[in-house]
Amino acid sequence: MKREEGQRFEANIEKAGTRAVLRLPFDPNAVWSQKDRHHITGAVNGCAVRGPLGKDENGYFLALGPAWLRGSGLDVGATVTVELRAEGPQMEQLADDLTAALEAEPEAQAFFQGLATFYRKGYLRWIDATKRRPEERAHRIAEVVRLLKAGEKQR
């Protein structure tokens, strides 16, 4: 089972093309889990931050938008303390029946892992709404796997 731990590090806010970025000194695939897209939450010098990580030839980075920079009082060149963790429900937190269904369909699993937290939670709420009708749960899991394989963010 992968660790759920957050990562804390020091970094410089760099200019990369037209945007400001924080380069990650670690590979999120190795620390959290293998995914096409990582959504994170955390803080930079105590200012809340969340969103997807980007990747380029220099590795993974967190883009910081102009509004965020203005609100934080930080700018390119600043050295900051960064705390990041994977956002939302992760594979190791899912029920065994759903985990097994996703692992049986790697395409659906990869798509699920790349979804933003909002969409992952939407699918999970729909499946979990079967508490009073357990016979319906397997049908909903199968439908979710079908939708994920088709690249649907929500049902």
Protein backbone atom coordinates (compact mmCIF):
# COMPACT_ATOMS: atom_id res chain seq x y z
CA MET A 1 0.00 0.00 0.00
CA LYS A 2 1.31 3.46 -0.92
CA ARG A 3 1.91 6.05 1.74
CA GLU A 4 -0.56 8.92 2.11
CA GLU A 5 2.03 11.23 3.58
CA GLY A 6 2.49 14.83 2.61
CA GLN A 7 5.74 16.22 1.33
CA ARG A 8 7.48 19.25 2.82
CA PHE A 9 10.34 21.01 1.06
CA GLU A 10 11.95 24.36 0.28
CA ALA A 11 11.81 25.69 -3.29
CA ASN A 12 12.25 28.82 -5.35
CA ILE A 13 9.39 30.25 -7.35
CA GLU A 14 10.68 30.11 -10.93
CA LYS A 15 9.57 31.68 -14.18
CA ALA A 16 8.73 29.05 -16.81
CA GLY A 17 7.58 30.68 -20.01
CA THR A 18 4.72 32.98 -19.07
CA ARG A 19 3.95 31.41 -15.71
CA ALA A 20 5.43 31.03 -12.25
CA VAL A 21 6.09 27.49 -11.03
CA LEU A 22 7.42 25.52 -8.09
CA ARG A 23 9.54 22.55 -9.13
CA LEU A 24 9.00 19.41 -7.08
CA PRO A 25 12.16 17.71 -5.74
CA PHE A 26 10.41 14.32 -5.83
CA ASP A 27 8.45 12.13 -8.22
CA PRO A 28 4.78 12.04 -7.14
CA ASN A 29 4.37 8.65 -8.87
CA ALA A 30 6.98 7.18 -6.54
CA VAL A 31 5.68 8.90 -3.39
CA TRP A 32 1.90 8.69 -3.78
CA SER A 33 0.93 6.36 -6.63
CA GLN A 34 1.38 5.97 -10.37
CA LYS A 35 -1.06 8.30 -12.18
CA ASP A 36 -1.34 10.24 -15.41
CA ARG A 37 -2.36 13.33 -13.45
CA HIS A 38 -1.82 14.27 -9.79
CA HIS A 39 -4.20 16.61 -7.98
CA ILE A 40 -2.74 18.11 -4.83
CA THR A 41 -3.66 20.30 -1.89
CA GLY A 42 -1.40 22.03 0.60
CA ALA A 43 0.27 25.33 1.35
CA VAL A 44 3.08 27.54 0.11
CA ASN A 45 4.45 29.71 2.93
CA GLY A 46 1.17 29.09 4.73
CA CYS A 47 -1.02 30.19 1.77
CA ALA A 48 -3.45 27.49 0.66
CA VAL A 49 -2.89 25.96 -2.75
CA ARG A 50 -4.56 23.16 -4.69
CA GLY A 51 -4.78 21.93 -8.23
CA PRO A 52 -3.16 19.58 -10.71
CA LEU A 53 0.58 19.14 -11.04
CA GLY A 54 2.13 19.75 -14.42
CA LYS A 55 5.01 17.89 -15.98
CA ASP A 56 7.61 18.95 -18.53
CA GLU A 57 11.12 17.91 -19.52
CA ASN A 58 12.42 19.16 -16.14
CA GLY A 59 10.02 17.07 -14.04
CA TYR A 60 6.89 17.84 -12.04
CA PHE A 61 5.83 21.35 -11.05
CA LEU A 62 3.00 23.28 -9.46
CA ALA A 63 1.88 26.29 -11.49
CA LEU A 64 1.11 29.43 -9.49
CA GLY A 65 -1.31 31.80 -11.17
CA PRO A 66 -1.04 35.61 -11.15
CA ALA A 67 -4.02 36.00 -8.78
CA TRP A 68 -2.52 33.50 -6.33
CA LEU A 69 0.82 35.30 -6.42
CA ARG A 70 -0.84 38.68 -5.77
CA GLY A 71 -2.87 37.24 -2.89
CA SER A 72 0.14 35.57 -1.30
CA GLY A 73 2.45 38.56 -1.60
CA LEU A 74 5.07 36.33 -3.24
CA ASP A 75 6.82 36.69 -6.57
CA VAL A 76 9.25 34.91 -8.87
CA GLY A 77 12.58 34.38 -7.13
CA ALA A 78 11.14 33.95 -3.62
CA THR A 79 12.28 30.96 -1.58
CA VAL A 80 9.26 29.30 0.03
CA THR A 81 8.30 26.38 2.26
CA VAL A 82 5.97 24.01 0.43
CA GLU A 83 3.70 21.35 1.94
CA LEU A 84 1.80 19.15 -0.51
CA ARG A 85 -0.32 16.00 -0.29
CA ALA A 86 -2.45 14.04 -2.73
CA GLU A 87 -6.00 15.37 -2.81
CA GLY A 88 -9.18 13.38 -2.53
CA PRO A 89 -9.93 9.68 -2.31
CA GLN A 90 -7.00 7.54 -3.40
CA MET A 91 -7.11 3.93 -4.62
CA GLU A 92 -5.94 2.53 -1.28
CA GLN A 93 -8.91 4.19 0.45
CA LEU A 94 -11.59 2.63 -1.77
CA ALA A 95 -13.80 -0.31 -0.84
CA ASP A 96 -12.44 -3.71 -1.86
CA ASP A 97 -15.19 -4.41 -4.42
CA LEU A 98 -14.62 -1.13 -6.24
CA THR A 99 -10.83 -1.52 -6.10
CA ALA A 100 -11.09 -5.00 -7.62
CA ALA A 101 -13.38 -3.76 -10.41
CA LEU A 102 -11.03 -0.89 -11.28
CA GLU A 103 -7.93 -3.09 -11.15
CA ALA A 104 -9.63 -5.48 -13.59
CA GLU A 105 -9.98 -2.59 -16.07
CA PRO A 106 -6.67 -0.67 -16.15
CA GLU A 107 -8.02 1.92 -18.60
CA ALA A 108 -10.89 2.78 -16.25
CA GLN A 109 -8.55 2.82 -13.25
CA ALA A 110 -6.10 5.19 -14.95
CA PHE A 111 -8.94 7.54 -15.92
CA PHE A 112 -10.38 7.46 -12.38
CA GLN A 113 -7.01 8.27 -10.84
CA GLY A 114 -6.58 11.24 -13.17
CA LEU A 115 -9.94 12.77 -12.28
CA ALA A 116 -10.22 15.80 -10.04
CA THR A 117 -11.50 15.11 -6.52
CA PHE A 118 -14.93 16.53 -7.35
CA TYR A 119 -15.54 13.87 -10.01
CA ARG A 120 -14.05 10.99 -8.00
CA LYS A 121 -16.26 11.86 -5.01
CA GLY A 122 -19.32 12.11 -7.26
CA TYR A 123 -18.86 8.55 -8.47
CA LEU A 124 -18.17 7.30 -4.94
CA ARG A 125 -21.27 9.00 -3.50
CA TRP A 126 -23.43 7.42 -6.19
CA ILE A 127 -22.05 3.96 -5.43
CA ASP A 128 -22.31 4.46 -1.66
CA ALA A 129 -25.96 5.60 -1.96
CA THR A 130 -26.86 1.91 -2.26
CA LYS A 131 -26.54 1.24 1.48
CA ARG A 132 -30.23 0.30 1.74
CA ARG A 133 -30.11 -1.69 -1.51
CA PRO A 134 -26.87 -3.69 -1.45
CA GLU A 135 -27.91 -5.70 -4.52
CA GLU A 136 -27.73 -2.45 -6.51
CA ARG A 137 -24.08 -1.77 -5.54
CA ALA A 138 -22.56 -4.27 -8.00
CA HIS A 139 -24.66 -2.81 -10.83
CA ARG A 140 -23.51 0.72 -10.01
CA ILE A 141 -19.87 -0.32 -9.80
CA ALA A 142 -20.16 -1.96 -13.23
CA GLU A 143 -21.78 1.20 -14.62
CA VAL A 144 -19.05 3.40 -13.16
CA VAL A 145 -16.32 1.21 -14.66
CA ARG A 146 -18.09 1.39 -18.05
CA LEU A 147 -18.34 5.19 -17.85
CA LEU A 148 -14.71 5.56 -16.79
CA LYS A 149 -13.55 3.34 -19.68
CA ALA A 150 -15.53 5.63 -21.99
CA GLY A 151 -13.73 8.67 -20.56
CA GLU A 152 -16.77 10.14 -18.82
CA LYS A 153 -15.97 12.46 -15.91
CA GLN A 154 -19.43 12.06 -14.42
CA ARG A 155 -22.54 10.00 -14.94
